[in-house]
N, C-alpha and C. Protein backbone atom coordinates (compact mmCIF):
# COMPACT_ATOMS: atom_id res chain seq x y z
N MET A 1 0.88 -1.16 -0.03
CA MET A 1 0.03 -0.02 -0.01
C MET A 1 0.92 1.19 0.05
N GLN A 2 0.33 2.28 -0.50
CA GLN A 2 1.13 3.49 -0.58
C GLN A 2 0.94 4.13 0.86
N PHE A 3 1.99 4.88 1.28
CA PHE A 3 2.02 5.42 2.61
C PHE A 3 1.82 6.99 2.47
N PHE A 4 2.45 7.59 1.47
CA PHE A 4 2.40 9.09 1.45
C PHE A 4 1.27 9.71 0.81
N GLY A 5 0.26 8.90 0.42
CA GLY A 5 -1.02 9.51 -0.20
C GLY A 5 -1.81 10.18 0.89
N PHE A 6 -2.28 11.38 0.60
CA PHE A 6 -3.19 12.19 1.57
C PHE A 6 -4.34 11.38 2.05
N ARG A 7 -5.04 10.82 1.02
CA ARG A 7 -6.19 10.07 1.47
C ARG A 7 -5.96 8.86 2.32
N VAL A 8 -4.82 8.21 2.06
CA VAL A 8 -4.36 6.99 2.88
C VAL A 8 -4.22 7.52 4.32
N LEU A 9 -3.37 8.64 4.43
CA LEU A 9 -3.08 9.14 5.88
C LEU A 9 -4.36 9.48 6.54
N ILE A 10 -5.37 10.12 5.84
CA ILE A 10 -6.59 10.54 6.59
C ILE A 10 -7.33 9.27 6.89
N LYS A 11 -7.46 8.36 6.10
CA LYS A 11 -8.12 7.10 6.42
C LYS A 11 -7.49 6.37 7.64
N ARG A 12 -6.14 6.33 7.64
CA ARG A 12 -5.52 5.77 8.73
C ARG A 12 -5.65 6.50 10.12
N ILE A 13 -5.69 7.77 10.05
CA ILE A 13 -5.95 8.59 11.27
C ILE A 13 -7.38 8.33 11.68
N LYS A 14 -8.29 8.13 10.77
CA LYS A 14 -9.66 7.89 11.18
C LYS A 14 -9.87 6.61 11.81
N ALA A 15 -9.05 5.62 11.28
CA ALA A 15 -9.04 4.24 11.82
C ALA A 15 -8.52 4.09 13.16
N ILE A 16 -7.75 5.03 13.74
CA ILE A 16 -7.20 4.85 15.01
C ILE A 16 -8.36 4.69 16.03
N ARG A 17 -9.43 5.35 15.87
CA ARG A 17 -10.53 5.41 16.85
C ARG A 17 -11.06 3.93 16.87
N PHE A 18 -11.29 3.31 15.73
CA PHE A 18 -11.82 1.98 15.75
C PHE A 18 -10.83 0.89 16.16
N MET A 19 -9.51 1.19 15.98
CA MET A 19 -8.51 0.20 16.44
C MET A 19 -8.51 0.30 17.96
N MET A 20 -8.56 1.49 18.55
CA MET A 20 -8.43 1.57 20.04
C MET A 20 -9.68 0.96 20.65
N ALA A 21 -10.83 0.90 20.06
CA ALA A 21 -12.09 0.31 20.65
C ALA A 21 -12.13 -1.23 20.51
N ASP A 22 -11.21 -1.74 19.66
CA ASP A 22 -11.23 -3.12 19.44
C ASP A 22 -10.42 -3.81 20.61
N LYS A 23 -11.10 -4.78 21.18
CA LYS A 23 -10.44 -5.46 22.43
C LYS A 23 -9.39 -6.61 21.99
N THR A 24 -9.44 -6.90 20.70
CA THR A 24 -8.48 -7.96 20.33
C THR A 24 -7.19 -7.41 19.86
N VAL A 25 -6.96 -6.12 19.81
CA VAL A 25 -5.71 -5.52 19.47
C VAL A 25 -4.75 -5.50 20.71
N LYS A 26 -3.53 -5.79 20.43
CA LYS A 26 -2.53 -5.92 21.55
C LYS A 26 -2.44 -4.67 22.29
N TRP A 27 -2.14 -4.66 23.55
CA TRP A 27 -2.05 -3.41 24.24
C TRP A 27 -0.77 -2.65 24.03
N THR A 28 0.14 -3.32 23.45
CA THR A 28 1.40 -2.56 23.01
C THR A 28 1.09 -1.57 21.88
N LYS A 29 0.33 -1.98 20.95
CA LYS A 29 -0.01 -1.21 19.87
C LYS A 29 -0.90 0.02 20.39
N LYS A 30 -1.76 -0.31 21.26
CA LYS A 30 -2.51 0.87 21.86
C LYS A 30 -1.66 1.81 22.60
N ALA A 31 -0.72 1.30 23.32
CA ALA A 31 0.26 2.17 24.07
C ALA A 31 1.06 3.09 23.18
N ILE A 32 1.41 2.47 21.91
CA ILE A 32 2.10 3.38 20.95
C ILE A 32 1.26 4.57 20.63
N ILE A 33 -0.01 4.45 20.28
CA ILE A 33 -1.00 5.53 20.01
C ILE A 33 -1.13 6.49 21.13
N ILE A 34 -1.24 5.94 22.31
CA ILE A 34 -1.38 6.77 23.53
C ILE A 34 -0.05 7.60 23.72
N ALA A 35 1.00 7.02 23.53
CA ALA A 35 2.29 7.73 23.72
C ALA A 35 2.56 8.84 22.69
N GLY A 36 1.95 8.47 21.48
CA GLY A 36 2.04 9.57 20.40
C GLY A 36 1.16 10.76 20.83
N ILE A 37 0.02 10.53 21.23
CA ILE A 37 -0.92 11.58 21.84
C ILE A 37 -0.37 12.33 22.84
N VAL A 38 0.27 11.65 23.86
CA VAL A 38 0.78 12.40 25.08
C VAL A 38 2.05 13.28 24.47
N TYR A 39 2.84 12.72 23.58
CA TYR A 39 3.96 13.44 23.03
C TYR A 39 3.52 14.75 22.26
N LEU A 40 2.37 14.58 21.51
CA LEU A 40 1.77 15.67 20.77
C LEU A 40 1.35 16.87 21.72
N PHE A 41 0.82 16.51 22.99
CA PHE A 41 0.42 17.57 23.82
C PHE A 41 1.45 17.95 25.01
N LEU A 42 2.55 17.28 25.13
CA LEU A 42 3.49 17.68 26.11
C LEU A 42 4.16 18.99 25.65
N PRO A 43 4.51 19.86 26.54
CA PRO A 43 5.27 21.10 26.25
C PRO A 43 6.71 20.88 25.85
N ILE A 44 7.23 19.71 26.25
CA ILE A 44 8.58 19.30 25.92
C ILE A 44 8.60 18.69 24.56
N ASP A 45 9.42 19.33 23.68
CA ASP A 45 9.55 18.76 22.25
C ASP A 45 11.10 18.69 21.89
N LEU A 46 11.45 17.94 20.87
CA LEU A 46 12.78 17.89 20.46
C LEU A 46 13.06 19.26 19.79
N ILE A 47 12.25 19.77 19.04
CA ILE A 47 12.45 21.11 18.43
C ILE A 47 11.39 22.11 19.15
N PRO A 48 11.82 23.18 19.75
CA PRO A 48 10.85 24.08 20.38
C PRO A 48 9.86 24.79 19.38
N PRO A 49 8.65 24.80 19.90
CA PRO A 49 7.63 25.41 18.99
C PRO A 49 7.75 26.89 18.61
N VAL A 50 8.77 27.40 19.20
CA VAL A 50 9.06 28.87 18.93
C VAL A 50 9.41 29.02 17.50
N VAL A 51 10.23 28.20 17.10
CA VAL A 51 10.71 28.12 15.67
C VAL A 51 9.50 27.59 14.79
N PHE A 52 8.83 28.46 14.30
CA PHE A 52 7.56 28.04 13.71
C PHE A 52 7.44 26.84 12.68
N PRO A 53 8.17 27.09 11.55
CA PRO A 53 7.92 25.91 10.71
C PRO A 53 8.60 24.64 11.04
N PHE A 54 9.65 24.75 11.85
CA PHE A 54 10.34 23.51 12.33
C PHE A 54 9.89 22.93 13.53
N GLY A 55 9.05 23.79 14.41
CA GLY A 55 8.52 23.43 15.62
C GLY A 55 7.53 22.26 15.54
N ILE A 56 6.78 22.26 14.53
CA ILE A 56 5.71 21.25 14.24
C ILE A 56 6.42 19.91 13.66
N LEU A 57 7.52 20.16 13.12
CA LEU A 57 8.18 19.10 12.33
C LEU A 57 8.47 17.81 13.15
N ASP A 58 8.89 17.95 14.37
CA ASP A 58 9.12 16.75 15.26
C ASP A 58 7.77 16.06 15.50
N ASP A 59 6.66 16.80 15.75
CA ASP A 59 5.32 16.11 15.96
C ASP A 59 4.94 15.29 14.66
N ILE A 60 5.17 15.95 13.57
CA ILE A 60 4.69 15.21 12.27
C ILE A 60 5.63 14.00 12.04
N VAL A 61 6.85 14.18 12.24
CA VAL A 61 7.71 12.92 12.06
C VAL A 61 7.32 11.83 13.09
N VAL A 62 7.13 12.08 14.33
CA VAL A 62 6.70 11.13 15.28
C VAL A 62 5.41 10.44 14.78
N TRP A 63 4.36 11.18 14.37
CA TRP A 63 3.19 10.60 13.87
C TRP A 63 3.28 9.83 12.57
N ALA A 64 4.20 10.39 11.68
CA ALA A 64 4.49 9.60 10.49
C ALA A 64 4.95 8.20 10.79
N LEU A 65 5.90 8.09 11.78
CA LEU A 65 6.54 6.87 12.12
C LEU A 65 5.49 5.96 12.90
N ILE A 66 4.61 6.54 13.62
CA ILE A 66 3.57 5.71 14.23
C ILE A 66 2.68 5.19 13.29
N LEU A 67 2.20 5.94 12.34
CA LEU A 67 1.24 5.52 11.23
C LEU A 67 1.89 4.55 10.37
N TRP A 68 3.24 4.69 10.01
CA TRP A 68 3.95 3.74 9.27
C TRP A 68 4.04 2.35 9.98
N TYR A 69 4.45 2.45 11.27
CA TYR A 69 4.62 1.24 12.05
C TYR A 69 3.36 0.41 12.16
N LEU A 70 2.24 1.12 12.41
CA LEU A 70 0.89 0.43 12.54
C LEU A 70 0.02 0.41 11.36
N SER A 71 0.68 0.62 10.15
CA SER A 71 -0.17 0.65 8.93
C SER A 71 -0.92 -0.54 8.68
N SER A 72 -0.24 -1.74 8.81
CA SER A 72 -1.00 -2.94 8.46
C SER A 72 -2.17 -3.20 9.47
N GLU A 73 -2.09 -2.81 10.68
CA GLU A 73 -3.18 -2.98 11.69
C GLU A 73 -4.20 -1.91 11.36
N LEU A 74 -3.85 -0.65 11.13
CA LEU A 74 -4.78 0.44 10.74
C LEU A 74 -5.61 0.14 9.48
N ASP A 75 -4.88 -0.46 8.50
CA ASP A 75 -5.67 -0.78 7.28
C ASP A 75 -6.78 -1.77 7.44
N LYS A 76 -6.82 -2.45 8.60
CA LYS A 76 -8.01 -3.45 8.70
C LYS A 76 -9.18 -2.64 9.22
N TYR A 77 -9.06 -1.34 9.71
CA TYR A 77 -10.20 -0.64 10.18
C TYR A 77 -10.71 0.55 9.25
N TRP A 78 -10.27 0.46 8.09
CA TRP A 78 -10.63 1.59 7.18
C TRP A 78 -12.14 1.69 7.04
N ILE A 79 -12.81 0.59 6.95
CA ILE A 79 -14.33 0.59 6.93
C ILE A 79 -14.98 1.05 8.13
N GLY A 80 -14.34 0.95 9.28
CA GLY A 80 -14.87 1.38 10.42
C GLY A 80 -15.15 0.20 11.41
N GLU A 81 -14.89 -1.02 10.93
CA GLU A 81 -14.99 -2.19 11.81
C GLU A 81 -14.23 -3.35 11.08
N LYS A 82 -13.92 -4.37 11.96
CA LYS A 82 -13.23 -5.45 11.41
C LYS A 82 -14.30 -6.18 10.59
N PRO A 83 -13.92 -7.09 9.63
CA PRO A 83 -14.88 -7.88 8.91
C PRO A 83 -15.48 -8.96 9.86
N LYS A 84 -16.74 -9.07 9.75
CA LYS A 84 -17.37 -10.14 10.71
C LYS A 84 -17.09 -11.47 10.26
N ASP A 85 -16.92 -12.31 11.11
CA ASP A 85 -16.63 -13.77 10.96
C ASP A 85 -18.00 -14.55 11.21
N TYR A 86 -18.63 -14.91 10.05
CA TYR A 86 -19.87 -15.51 10.06
C TYR A 86 -19.64 -17.11 10.20
N SER A 87 -18.51 -17.58 10.31
CA SER A 87 -18.45 -19.04 10.35
C SER A 87 -19.10 -19.70 11.61
N ARG A 88 -19.10 -19.02 12.61
CA ARG A 88 -19.71 -19.52 13.88
C ARG A 88 -21.25 -19.41 13.79
N LYS A 89 -21.63 -18.34 13.29
CA LYS A 89 -23.10 -18.03 13.26
C LYS A 89 -23.86 -19.09 12.31
N TYR A 90 -23.31 -19.38 11.24
CA TYR A 90 -23.85 -20.24 10.26
C TYR A 90 -23.33 -21.70 10.20
N HIS A 91 -22.56 -22.08 11.30
CA HIS A 91 -21.88 -23.34 11.34
C HIS A 91 -23.01 -24.41 11.41
N GLY A 92 -23.10 -25.42 10.48
CA GLY A 92 -23.97 -26.48 10.47
C GLY A 92 -25.42 -26.11 10.10
N LYS A 93 -25.58 -24.99 9.62
CA LYS A 93 -26.94 -24.51 9.15
C LYS A 93 -27.00 -24.60 7.69
N THR A 94 -28.29 -24.79 7.17
CA THR A 94 -28.48 -24.69 5.79
C THR A 94 -28.61 -23.24 5.27
N VAL A 95 -27.93 -22.67 4.57
CA VAL A 95 -27.95 -21.35 4.16
C VAL A 95 -28.84 -21.16 2.84
N VAL A 96 -28.68 -22.05 2.00
CA VAL A 96 -29.57 -22.03 0.85
C VAL A 96 -30.52 -23.02 0.74
N ASP A 97 -31.79 -22.53 0.53
CA ASP A 97 -32.90 -23.45 0.58
C ASP A 97 -33.55 -23.53 -0.80
N ASP A 98 -34.28 -24.71 -1.05
CA ASP A 98 -35.08 -24.76 -2.31
C ASP A 98 -34.02 -24.89 -3.54
N VAL A 99 -33.03 -25.45 -3.46
CA VAL A 99 -32.16 -25.57 -4.58
C VAL A 99 -31.97 -27.01 -4.88
N GLU A 100 -32.10 -27.40 -6.05
CA GLU A 100 -31.86 -28.77 -6.48
C GLU A 100 -30.51 -28.91 -7.28
N TYR A 101 -29.88 -30.00 -6.94
CA TYR A 101 -28.62 -30.10 -7.64
C TYR A 101 -28.36 -31.75 -7.75
N ASN A 102 -27.55 -32.12 -8.69
CA ASN A 102 -27.15 -33.51 -8.99
C ASN A 102 -25.69 -33.57 -8.89
N VAL A 103 -25.18 -34.65 -8.32
CA VAL A 103 -23.80 -34.86 -8.39
C VAL A 103 -23.62 -35.99 -9.29
N ASP A 104 -22.91 -35.79 -10.44
CA ASP A 104 -22.50 -36.83 -11.29
C ASP A 104 -21.27 -37.56 -10.97
N ASP A 105 -21.25 -38.86 -11.22
CA ASP A 105 -20.15 -39.64 -10.99
C ASP A 105 -19.25 -39.59 -12.18
N GLU A 106 -17.98 -39.14 -12.07
CA GLU A 106 -17.13 -38.91 -13.22
C GLU A 106 -16.65 -40.34 -13.72
N GLU A 107 -16.46 -41.25 -12.83
CA GLU A 107 -15.97 -42.50 -13.12
C GLU A 107 -17.00 -43.31 -14.14
N ALA A 108 -18.25 -43.08 -13.71
CA ALA A 108 -19.44 -43.74 -14.50
C ALA A 108 -19.48 -43.16 -15.85
N GLU A 109 -19.19 -41.91 -16.14
CA GLU A 109 -19.29 -41.40 -17.35
C GLU A 109 -18.13 -41.76 -18.27
N LYS A 110 -16.94 -42.11 -17.62
CA LYS A 110 -15.73 -42.57 -18.41
C LYS A 110 -15.94 -43.92 -18.98
N GLU A 111 -16.75 -44.76 -18.00
CA GLU A 111 -16.87 -46.25 -18.45
C GLU A 111 -17.99 -46.40 -19.62
N GLU A 112 -18.81 -45.36 -19.77
CA GLU A 112 -19.77 -45.62 -20.81
C GLU A 112 -19.23 -45.48 -22.10
N PRO A 113 -19.50 -46.35 -23.15
CA PRO A 113 -18.87 -46.28 -24.42
C PRO A 113 -19.48 -45.10 -25.16
N ALA A 114 -18.60 -44.48 -25.99
CA ALA A 114 -19.01 -43.30 -26.70
C ALA A 114 -19.79 -43.86 -27.85
N GLU A 115 -20.93 -43.15 -28.28
CA GLU A 115 -21.71 -43.47 -29.35
C GLU A 115 -20.93 -43.17 -30.72
N ASP A 116 -20.76 -44.11 -31.69
CA ASP A 116 -20.13 -43.87 -32.96
C ASP A 116 -21.14 -43.55 -33.95
N ALA A 117 -20.90 -42.56 -34.77
CA ALA A 117 -21.80 -42.13 -35.80
C ALA A 117 -21.51 -42.74 -37.17
C-alpha cells in the first residue's frame, strides 16, 4: 500500500478510533498510539515550537513513524470495523434453501462407451 498518499493518511488517522475500541488489538499497539498523543500535547519537544515551521516538524515525524509502524493494523479498520466472522453463526446450518442439484459420478461417465456415428 502507498504510505504518502493524503487520502491514505486521513483514512489511517480515522481508523485509530476503531482500532483503539477493538479489544482484540494488543495493548502494546494501543500504548504506541497513547504515547504519540501524549507526546503531541507535552510542552517538551525535540524542536521548540518557537521556531514556527520547524517546531511542528518533530510532531509530524513522530506521527508519520507511528502511522507507518501500525499501517497494517490500521488498514484493517478503514471501513470502520473489522470484517465479521460468520463461520460460527452459520456453522451447521443450511444457508441456501429450495435448490436442486445433482452430483454426477465422473467414473461412471468414463466407463460408458461413446456412441459412434
